[in-house]
Amino acid sequence: MNPQTVASWTEPEGRYELLFHPAGDPLPAEPLSPREIEVARLVASGLPNKIIAHELGISNWTVCTHLRRTFSKLGVTTRAAMVARLHQAGSLR
């Protein structure tokens, strides 16, 4: 098994912990929308929400909504974990 490291925030301790997932974990049954993938790609390139909103011509609130839905579909809680999960699944190529 080839593990994939994903960082996540734990409550109530208020600290990061590393989680290991087997490489090649499939994405969830509910696929990401084209816009969710587009937002995720911009996050992966290091852009903050405000710049993503400007680039796509949408509100900052809409960017947050796309990220919240993506986090829920992928079962992650951070931008880094989202990018790692999508990268290991090959969705950010």
PDB file of N, CA and C in Angstrom:
ATOM      1  N   MET A   1       0.848  -1.174   0.000  1.00  0.00           N
ATOM      2  CA  MET A   1       0.000   0.000   0.000  1.00  0.00           C
ATOM      3  C   MET A   1       0.890   1.232   0.000  1.00  0.00           C
ATOM      4  N   ASN A   2       0.575   2.186  -0.860  1.00  0.00           N
ATOM      5  CA  ASN A   2       1.329   3.417  -0.998  1.00  0.00           C
ATOM      6  C   ASN A   2       0.521   4.545  -0.365  1.00  0.00           C
ATOM      7  N   PRO A   3       0.879   5.023   0.845  1.00  0.00           N
ATOM      8  CA  PRO A   3       0.029   5.990   1.540  1.00  0.00           C
ATOM      9  C   PRO A   3       0.117   7.392   0.962  1.00  0.00           C
ATOM     10  N   GLN A   4      -0.953   8.137   1.131  1.00  0.00           N
ATOM     11  CA  GLN A   4      -1.033   9.538   0.759  1.00  0.00           C
ATOM     12  C   GLN A   4      -1.232  10.335   2.036  1.00  0.00           C
ATOM     13  N   THR A   5      -0.425  11.353   2.275  1.00  0.00           N
ATOM     14  CA  THR A   5      -0.520  12.163   3.474  1.00  0.00           C
ATOM     15  C   THR A   5      -1.463  13.326   3.243  1.00  0.00           C
ATOM     16  N   VAL A   6      -2.377  13.525   4.186  1.00  0.00           N
ATOM     17  CA  VAL A   6      -3.303  14.640   4.126  1.00  0.00           C
ATOM     18  C   VAL A   6      -3.332  15.290   5.504  1.00  0.00           C
ATOM     19  N   ALA A   7      -3.185  16.606   5.556  1.00  0.00           N
ATOM     20  CA  ALA A   7      -3.238  17.329   6.824  1.00  0.00           C
ATOM     21  C   ALA A   7      -4.679  17.700   7.124  1.00  0.00           C
ATOM     22  N   SER A   8      -5.066  17.637   8.388  1.00  0.00           N
ATOM     23  CA  SER A   8      -6.404  18.070   8.775  1.00  0.00           C
ATOM     24  C   SER A   8      -6.358  18.715  10.150  1.00  0.00           C
ATOM     25  N   TRP A   9      -7.298  19.589  10.401  1.00  0.00           N
ATOM     26  CA  TRP A   9      -7.418  20.293  11.672  1.00  0.00           C
ATOM     27  C   TRP A   9      -8.284  19.466  12.601  1.00  0.00           C
ATOM     28  N   THR A  10      -7.838  19.275  13.845  1.00  0.00           N
ATOM     29  CA  THR A  10      -8.633  18.500  14.791  1.00  0.00           C
ATOM     30  C   THR A  10      -9.192  19.415  15.868  1.00  0.00           C
ATOM     31  N   GLU A  11     -10.403  19.171  16.233  1.00  0.00           N
ATOM     32  CA  GLU A  11     -11.061  19.892  17.321  1.00  0.00           C
ATOM     33  C   GLU A  11     -11.301  18.902  18.449  1.00  0.00           C
ATOM     34  N   PRO A  12     -11.326  19.233  19.690  1.00  0.00           N
ATOM     35  CA  PRO A  12     -11.128  20.555  20.253  1.00  0.00           C
ATOM     36  C   PRO A  12      -9.663  20.867  20.555  1.00  0.00           C
ATOM     37  N   GLU A  13      -8.761  19.959  20.227  1.00  0.00           N
ATOM     38  CA  GLU A  13      -7.351  20.177  20.541  1.00  0.00           C
ATOM     39  C   GLU A  13      -6.779  21.393  19.822  1.00  0.00           C
ATOM     40  N   GLY A  14      -7.344  21.757  18.655  1.00  0.00           N
ATOM     41  CA  GLY A  14      -6.872  22.899  17.902  1.00  0.00           C
ATOM     42  C   GLY A  14      -5.479  22.686  17.335  1.00  0.00           C
ATOM     43  N   ARG A  15      -5.262  21.535  16.722  1.00  0.00           N
ATOM     44  CA  ARG A  15      -3.954  21.244  16.157  1.00  0.00           C
ATOM     45  C   ARG A  15      -4.129  20.488  14.843  1.00  0.00           C
ATOM     46  N   TYR A  16      -3.078  20.487  14.043  1.00  0.00           N
ATOM     47  CA  TYR A  16      -3.093  19.715  12.807  1.00  0.00           C
ATOM     48  C   TYR A  16      -2.627  18.297  13.082  1.00  0.00           C
ATOM     49  N   GLU A  17      -3.188  17.362  12.376  1.00  0.00           N
ATOM     50  CA  GLU A  17      -2.701  15.991  12.429  1.00  0.00           C
ATOM     51  C   GLU A  17      -2.603  15.476  11.004  1.00  0.00           C
ATOM     52  N   LEU A  18      -1.738  14.531  10.800  1.00  0.00           N
ATOM     53  CA  LEU A  18      -1.570  13.948   9.477  1.00  0.00           C
ATOM     54  C   LEU A  18      -2.394  12.676   9.376  1.00  0.00           C
ATOM     55  N   LEU A  19      -3.135  12.559   8.310  1.00  0.00           N
ATOM     56  CA  LEU A  19      -3.930  11.370   8.047  1.00  0.00           C
ATOM     57  C   LEU A  19      -3.328  10.666   6.851  1.00  0.00           C
ATOM     58  N   PHE A  20      -3.350   9.370   6.854  1.00  0.00           N
ATOM     59  CA  PHE A  20      -2.815   8.604   5.742  1.00  0.00           C
ATOM     60  C   PHE A  20      -3.945   7.862   5.056  1.00  0.00           C
ATOM     61  N   HIS A  21      -4.049   8.074   3.753  1.00  0.00           N
ATOM     62  CA  HIS A  21      -5.042   7.395   2.938  1.00  0.00           C
ATOM     63  C   HIS A  21      -4.310   6.593   1.870  1.00  0.00           C
ATOM     64  N   PRO A  22      -4.785   5.416   1.571  1.00  0.00           N
ATOM     65  CA  PRO A  22      -4.137   4.659   0.496  1.00  0.00           C
ATOM     66  C   PRO A  22      -4.200   5.431  -0.813  1.00  0.00           C
ATOM     67  N   ALA A  23      -3.112   5.424  -1.554  1.00  0.00           N
ATOM     68  CA  ALA A  23      -3.091   6.099  -2.850  1.00  0.00           C
ATOM     69  C   ALA A  23      -4.137   5.466  -3.752  1.00  0.00           C
ATOM     70  N   GLY A  24      -4.776   6.303  -4.531  1.00  0.00           N
ATOM     71  CA  GLY A  24      -5.760   5.804  -5.477  1.00  0.00           C
ATOM     72  C   GLY A  24      -7.145   5.644  -4.879  1.00  0.00           C
ATOM     73  N   ASP A  25      -7.391   6.245  -3.684  1.00  0.00           N
ATOM     74  CA  ASP A  25      -8.747   6.224  -3.153  1.00  0.00           C
ATOM     75  C   ASP A  25      -9.678   6.809  -4.206  1.00  0.00           C
ATOM     76  N   PRO A  26     -10.755   6.128  -4.526  1.00  0.00           N
ATOM     77  CA  PRO A  26     -11.648   6.662  -5.538  1.00  0.00           C
ATOM     78  C   PRO A  26     -12.377   7.900  -5.025  1.00  0.00           C
ATOM     79  N   LEU A  27     -12.776   8.747  -5.957  1.00  0.00           N
ATOM     80  CA  LEU A  27     -13.581   9.899  -5.587  1.00  0.00           C
ATOM     81  C   LEU A  27     -14.987   9.419  -5.245  1.00  0.00           C
ATOM     82  N   PRO A  28     -15.746  10.224  -4.532  1.00  0.00           N
ATOM     83  CA  PRO A  28     -17.097   9.810  -4.136  1.00  0.00           C
ATOM     84  C   PRO A  28     -18.010   9.624  -5.345  1.00  0.00           C
ATOM     85  N   ALA A  29     -19.140   8.964  -5.097  1.00  0.00           N
ATOM     86  CA  ALA A  29     -20.088   8.673  -6.171  1.00  0.00           C
ATOM     87  C   ALA A  29     -20.642   9.946  -6.791  1.00  0.00           C
ATOM     88  N   GLU A  30     -20.839  10.985  -5.974  1.00  0.00           N
ATOM     89  CA  GLU A  30     -21.361  12.245  -6.504  1.00  0.00           C
ATOM     90  C   GLU A  30     -20.202  13.038  -7.107  1.00  0.00           C
ATOM     91  N   PRO A  31     -20.184  13.188  -8.428  1.00  0.00           N
ATOM     92  CA  PRO A  31     -19.046  13.856  -9.069  1.00  0.00           C
ATOM     93  C   PRO A  31     -19.052  15.361  -8.810  1.00  0.00           C
ATOM     94  N   LEU A  32     -17.881  15.949  -8.925  1.00  0.00           N
ATOM     95  CA  LEU A  32     -17.764  17.391  -8.812  1.00  0.00           C
ATOM     96  C   LEU A  32     -18.278  18.039 -10.090  1.00  0.00           C
ATOM     97  N   SER A  33     -18.891  19.201  -9.943  1.00  0.00           N
ATOM     98  CA  SER A  33     -19.359  19.935 -11.119  1.00  0.00           C
ATOM     99  C   SER A  33     -18.153  20.539 -11.839  1.00  0.00           C
ATOM    100  N   PRO A  34     -18.325  20.903 -13.108  1.00  0.00           N
ATOM    101  CA  PRO A  34     -17.216  21.540 -13.822  1.00  0.00           C
ATOM    102  C   PRO A  34     -16.713  22.798 -13.106  1.00  0.00           C
ATOM    103  N   ARG A  35     -17.630  23.579 -12.520  1.00  0.00           N
ATOM    104  CA  ARG A  35     -17.230  24.798 -11.808  1.00  0.00           C
ATOM    105  C   ARG A  35     -16.464  24.463 -10.529  1.00  0.00           C
ATOM    106  N   GLU A  36     -16.886  23.422  -9.819  1.00  0.00           N
ATOM    107  CA  GLU A  36     -16.159  23.005  -8.612  1.00  0.00           C
ATOM    108  C   GLU A  36     -14.740  22.581  -8.954  1.00  0.00           C
ATOM    109  N   ILE A  37     -14.575  21.871 -10.063  1.00  0.00           N
ATOM    110  CA  ILE A  37     -13.233  21.470 -10.493  1.00  0.00           C
ATOM    111  C   ILE A  37     -12.417  22.694 -10.880  1.00  0.00           C
ATOM    112  N   GLU A  38     -13.047  23.650 -11.565  1.00  0.00           N
ATOM    113  CA  GLU A  38     -12.357  24.876 -11.966  1.00  0.00           C
ATOM    114  C   GLU A  38     -11.874  25.646 -10.733  1.00  0.00           C
ATOM    115  N   VAL A  39     -12.731  25.779  -9.724  1.00  0.00           N
ATOM    116  CA  VAL A  39     -12.350  26.469  -8.486  1.00  0.00           C
ATOM    117  C   VAL A  39     -11.225  25.704  -7.799  1.00  0.00           C
ATOM    118  N   ALA A  40     -11.324  24.382  -7.750  1.00  0.00           N
ATOM    119  CA  ALA A  40     -10.288  23.563  -7.107  1.00  0.00           C
ATOM    120  C   ALA A  40      -8.946  23.727  -7.810  1.00  0.00           C
ATOM    121  N   ARG A  41      -8.943  23.808  -9.123  1.00  0.00           N
ATOM    122  CA  ARG A  41      -7.691  24.009  -9.868  1.00  0.00           C
ATOM    123  C   ARG A  41      -7.057  25.352  -9.528  1.00  0.00           C
ATOM    124  N   LEU A  42      -7.875  26.376  -9.375  1.00  0.00           N
ATOM    125  CA  LEU A  42      -7.349  27.695  -9.015  1.00  0.00           C
ATOM    126  C   LEU A  42      -6.826  27.694  -7.575  1.00  0.00           C
ATOM    127  N   VAL A  43      -7.505  26.977  -6.683  1.00  0.00           N
ATOM    128  CA  VAL A  43      -7.005  26.822  -5.313  1.00  0.00           C
ATOM    129  C   VAL A  43      -5.662  26.114  -5.350  1.00  0.00           C
ATOM    130  N   ALA A  44      -5.564  25.064  -6.158  1.00  0.00           N
ATOM    131  CA  ALA A  44      -4.318  24.294  -6.259  1.00  0.00           C
ATOM    132  C   ALA A  44      -3.173  25.146  -6.788  1.00  0.00           C
ATOM    133  N   SER A  45      -3.496  26.171  -7.576  1.00  0.00           N
ATOM    134  CA  SER A  45      -2.443  27.051  -8.084  1.00  0.00           C
ATOM    135  C   SER A  45      -2.047  28.111  -7.065  1.00  0.00           C
ATOM    136  N   GLY A  46      -2.700  28.101  -5.902  1.00  0.00           N
ATOM    137  CA  GLY A  46      -2.310  28.991  -4.812  1.00  0.00           C
ATOM    138  C   GLY A  46      -3.093  30.280  -4.700  1.00  0.00           C
ATOM    139  N   LEU A  47      -4.172  30.422  -5.457  1.00  0.00           N
ATOM    140  CA  LEU A  47      -4.937  31.664  -5.421  1.00  0.00           C
ATOM    141  C   LEU A  47      -5.900  31.708  -4.240  1.00  0.00           C
ATOM    142  N   PRO A  48      -6.053  32.884  -3.604  1.00  0.00           N
ATOM    143  CA  PRO A  48      -7.048  33.037  -2.539  1.00  0.00           C
ATOM    144  C   PRO A  48      -8.452  33.196  -3.132  1.00  0.00           C
ATOM    145  N   ASN A  49      -9.464  33.026  -2.300  1.00  0.00           N
ATOM    146  CA  ASN A  49     -10.857  33.093  -2.755  1.00  0.00           C
ATOM    147  C   ASN A  49     -11.184  34.385  -3.489  1.00  0.00           C
ATOM    148  N   LYS A  50     -10.694  35.510  -2.982  1.00  0.00           N
ATOM    149  CA  LYS A  50     -11.023  36.803  -3.581  1.00  0.00           C
ATOM    150  C   LYS A  50     -10.515  36.888  -5.031  1.00  0.00           C
ATOM    151  N   ILE A  51      -9.331  36.394  -5.277  1.00  0.00           N
ATOM    152  CA  ILE A  51      -8.772  36.418  -6.630  1.00  0.00           C
ATOM    153  C   ILE A  51      -9.504  35.413  -7.525  1.00  0.00           C
ATOM    154  N   ILE A  52      -9.837  34.246  -6.969  1.00  0.00           N
ATOM    155  CA  ILE A  52     -10.602  33.248  -7.730  1.00  0.00           C
ATOM    156  C   ILE A  52     -11.931  33.850  -8.167  1.00  0.00           C
ATOM    157  N   ALA A  53     -12.603  34.541  -7.257  1.00  0.00           N
ATOM    158  CA  ALA A  53     -13.883  35.177  -7.578  1.00  0.00           C
ATOM    159  C   ALA A  53     -13.713  36.175  -8.714  1.00  0.00           C
ATOM    160  N   HIS A  54     -12.673  36.974  -8.648  1.00  0.00           N
ATOM    161  CA  HIS A  54     -12.424  37.969  -9.697  1.00  0.00           C
ATOM    162  C   HIS A  54     -12.128  37.288 -11.034  1.00  0.00           C
ATOM    163  N   GLU A  55     -11.287  36.262 -11.007  1.00  0.00           N
ATOM    164  CA  GLU A  55     -10.917  35.535 -12.239  1.00  0.00           C
ATOM    165  C   GLU A  55     -12.131  34.908 -12.920  1.00  0.00           C
ATOM    166  N   LEU A  56     -13.059  34.384 -12.119  1.00  0.00           N
ATOM    167  CA  LEU A  56     -14.218  33.681 -12.677  1.00  0.00           C
ATOM    168  C   LEU A  56     -15.439  34.575 -12.856  1.00  0.00           C
ATOM    169  N   GLY A  57     -15.358  35.806 -12.366  1.00  0.00           N
ATOM    170  CA  GLY A  57     -16.491  36.723 -12.494  1.00  0.00           C
ATOM    171  C   GLY A  57     -17.666  36.332 -11.620  1.00  0.00           C
ATOM    172  N   ILE A  58     -17.364  35.777 -10.439  1.00  0.00           N
ATOM    173  CA  ILE A  58     -18.404  35.376  -9.485  1.00  0.00           C
ATOM    174  C   ILE A  58     -18.092  36.022  -8.139  1.00  0.00           C
ATOM    175  N   SER A  59     -19.027  35.942  -7.211  1.00  0.00           N
ATOM    176  CA  SER A  59     -18.799  36.550  -5.898  1.00  0.00           C
ATOM    177  C   SER A  59     -17.918  35.655  -5.027  1.00  0.00           C
ATOM    178  N   ASN A  60     -17.308  36.277  -4.038  1.00  0.00           N
ATOM    179  CA  ASN A  60     -16.510  35.542  -3.068  1.00  0.00           C
ATOM    180  C   ASN A  60     -17.389  34.502  -2.357  1.00  0.00           C
ATOM    181  N   TRP A  61     -18.622  34.867  -2.080  1.00  0.00           N
ATOM    182  CA  TRP A  61     -19.567  33.949  -1.433  1.00  0.00           C
ATOM    183  C   TRP A  61     -19.789  32.702  -2.295  1.00  0.00           C
ATOM    184  N   THR A  62     -19.886  32.864  -3.601  1.00  0.00           N
ATOM    185  CA  THR A  62     -20.088  31.732  -4.511  1.00  0.00           C
ATOM    186  C   THR A  62     -18.862  30.822  -4.509  1.00  0.00           C
ATOM    187  N   VAL A  63     -17.669  31.409  -4.464  1.00  0.00           N
ATOM    188  CA  VAL A  63     -16.447  30.604  -4.367  1.00  0.00           C
ATOM    189  C   VAL A  63     -16.494  29.774  -3.090  1.00  0.00           C
ATOM    190  N   CYS A  64     -16.861  30.392  -1.980  1.00  0.00           N
ATOM    191  CA  CYS A  64     -16.957  29.668  -0.699  1.00  0.00           C
ATOM    192  C   CYS A  64     -17.975  28.538  -0.780  1.00  0.00           C
ATOM    193  N   THR A  65     -19.093  28.779  -1.465  1.00  0.00           N
ATOM    194  CA  THR A  65     -20.119  27.743  -1.620  1.00  0.00           C
ATOM    195  C   THR A  65     -19.579  26.566  -2.426  1.00  0.00           C
ATOM    196  N   HIS A  66     -18.872  26.847  -3.520  1.00  0.00           N
ATOM    197  CA  HIS A  66     -18.278  25.769  -4.316  1.00  0.00           C
ATOM    198  C   HIS A  66     -17.277  24.973  -3.477  1.00  0.00           C
ATOM    199  N   LEU A  67     -16.466  25.659  -2.690  1.00  0.00           N
ATOM    200  CA  LEU A  67     -15.489  24.961  -1.852  1.00  0.00           C
ATOM    201  C   LEU A  67     -16.173  24.127  -0.776  1.00  0.00           C
ATOM    202  N   ARG A  68     -17.195  24.666  -0.144  1.00  0.00           N
ATOM    203  CA  ARG A  68     -17.928  23.917   0.888  1.00  0.00           C
ATOM    204  C   ARG A  68     -18.524  22.631   0.310  1.00  0.00           C
ATOM    205  N   ARG A  69     -19.128  22.741  -0.867  1.00  0.00           N
ATOM    206  CA  ARG A  69     -19.726  21.556  -1.502  1.00  0.00           C
ATOM    207  C   ARG A  69     -18.653  20.547  -1.907  1.00  0.00           C
ATOM    208  N   THR A  70     -17.528  21.047  -2.399  1.00  0.00           N
ATOM    209  CA  THR A  70     -16.423  20.161  -2.782  1.00  0.00           C
ATOM    210  C   THR A  70     -15.864  19.446  -1.557  1.00  0.00           C
ATOM    211  N   PHE A  71     -15.662  20.185  -0.463  1.00  0.00           N
ATOM    212  CA  PHE A  71     -15.178  19.579   0.784  1.00  0.00           C
ATOM    213  C   PHE A  71     -16.127  18.477   1.228  1.00  0.00           C
ATOM    214  N   SER A  72     -17.424  18.752   1.165  1.00  0.00           N
ATOM    215  CA  SER A  72     -18.423  17.769   1.590  1.00  0.00           C
ATOM    216  C   SER A  72     -18.383  16.517   0.715  1.00  0.00           C
ATOM    217  N   LYS A  73     -18.303  16.699  -0.592  1.00  0.00           N
ATOM    218  CA  LYS A  73     -18.274  15.566  -1.515  1.00  0.00           C
ATOM    219  C   LYS A  73     -17.017  14.717  -1.329  1.00  0.00           C
ATOM    220  N   LEU A  74     -15.886  15.370  -1.026  1.00  0.00           N
ATOM    221  CA  LEU A  74     -14.622  14.656  -0.891  1.00  0.00           C
ATOM    222  C   LEU A  74     -14.362  14.160   0.531  1.00  0.00           C
ATOM    223  N   GLY A  75     -15.141  14.648   1.487  1.00  0.00           N
ATOM    224  CA  GLY A  75     -14.936  14.246   2.877  1.00  0.00           C
ATOM    225  C   GLY A  75     -13.676  14.845   3.477  1.00  0.00           C
ATOM    226  N   VAL A  76     -13.359  16.084   3.112  1.00  0.00           N
ATOM    227  CA  VAL A  76     -12.179  16.767   3.626  1.00  0.00           C
ATOM    228  C   VAL A  76     -12.603  18.051   4.328  1.00  0.00           C
ATOM    229  N   THR A  77     -11.649  18.657   5.059  1.00  0.00           N
ATOM    230  CA  THR A  77     -11.986  19.877   5.794  1.00  0.00           C
ATOM    231  C   THR A  77     -11.048  21.040   5.500  1.00  0.00           C
ATOM    232  N   THR A  78     -10.051  20.839   4.674  1.00  0.00           N
ATOM    233  CA  THR A  78      -9.111  21.919   4.370  1.00  0.00           C
ATOM    234  C   THR A  78      -8.843  21.995   2.877  1.00  0.00           C
ATOM    235  N   ARG A  79      -8.353  23.163   2.453  1.00  0.00           N
ATOM    236  CA  ARG A  79      -7.992  23.349   1.056  1.00  0.00           C
ATOM    237  C   ARG A  79      -6.861  22.398   0.660  1.00  0.00           C
ATOM    238  N   ALA A  80      -5.884  22.236   1.566  1.00  0.00           N
ATOM    239  CA  ALA A  80      -4.748  21.351   1.286  1.00  0.00           C
ATOM    240  C   ALA A  80      -5.208  19.911   1.111  1.00  0.00           C
ATOM    241  N   ALA A  81      -6.116  19.467   1.967  1.00  0.00           N
ATOM    242  CA  ALA A  81      -6.628  18.099   1.865  1.00  0.00           C
ATOM    243  C   ALA A  81      -7.422  17.915   0.577  1.00  0.00           C
ATOM    244  N   MET A  82      -8.175  18.945   0.186  1.00  0.00           N
ATOM    245  CA  MET A  82      -8.938  18.875  -1.057  1.00  0.00           C
ATOM    246  C   MET A  82      -7.993  18.720  -2.250  1.00  0.00           C
ATOM    247  N   VAL A  83      -6.968  19.551  -2.299  1.00  0.00           N
ATOM    248  CA  VAL A  83      -6.016  19.497  -3.409  1.00  0.00           C
ATOM    249  C   VAL A  83      -5.303  18.147  -3.431  1.00  0.00           C
ATOM    250  N   ALA A  84      -4.887  17.653  -2.267  1.00  0.00           N
ATOM    251  CA  ALA A  84      -4.200  16.356  -2.206  1.00  0.00           C
ATOM    252  C   ALA A  84      -5.108  15.242  -2.707  1.00  0.00           C
ATOM    253  N   ARG A  85      -6.360  15.264  -2.279  1.00  0.00           N
ATOM    254  CA  ARG A  85      -7.316  14.218  -2.689  1.00  0.00           C
ATOM    255  C   ARG A  85      -7.567  14.251  -4.197  1.00  0.00           C
ATOM    256  N   LEU A  86      -7.765  15.441  -4.736  1.00  0.00           N
ATOM    257  CA  LEU A  86      -8.014  15.558  -6.177  1.00  0.00           C
ATOM    258  C   LEU A  86      -6.773  15.236  -6.999  1.00  0.00           C
ATOM    259  N   HIS A  87      -5.615  15.597  -6.469  1.00  0.00           N
ATOM    260  CA  HIS A  87      -4.372  15.288  -7.174  1.00  0.00           C
ATOM    261  C   HIS A  87      -4.148  13.776  -7.234  1.00  0.00           C
ATOM    262  N   GLN A  88      -4.353  13.082  -6.106  1.00  0.00           N
ATOM    263  CA  GLN A  88      -4.131  11.635  -6.098  1.00  0.00           C
ATOM    264  C   GLN A  88      -5.133  10.910  -6.987  1.00  0.00           C
ATOM    265  N   ALA A  89      -6.320  11.493  -7.165  1.00  0.00           N
ATOM    266  CA  ALA A  89      -7.325  10.879  -8.036  1.00  0.00           C
ATOM    267  C   ALA A  89      -7.124  11.264  -9.504  1.00  0.00           C
ATOM    268  N   GLY A  90      -6.170  12.181  -9.757  1.00  0.00           N
ATOM    269  CA  GLY A  90      -5.906  12.600 -11.127  1.00  0.00           C
ATOM    270  C   GLY A  90      -6.875  13.614 -11.679  1.00  0.00           C
ATOM    271  N   SER A  91      -7.621  14.284 -10.821  1.00  0.00           N
ATOM    272  CA  SER A  91      -8.646  15.234 -11.289  1.00  0.00           C
ATOM    273  C   SER A  91      -8.108  16.635 -11.530  1.00  0.00           C
ATOM    274  N   LEU A  92      -6.874  16.907 -11.166  1.00  0.00           N
ATOM    275  CA  LEU A  92      -6.327  18.254 -11.349  1.00  0.00           C
ATOM    276  C   LEU A  92      -5.374  18.358 -12.522  1.00  0.00           C
ATOM    277  N   ARG A  93      -5.319  17.348 -13.353  1.00  0.00           N
ATOM    278  CA  ARG A  93      -4.402  17.364 -14.511  1.00  0.00           C
ATOM    279  C   ARG A  93      -4.965  18.153 -15.649  1.00  0.00           C
TER     280      ARG A  93
END
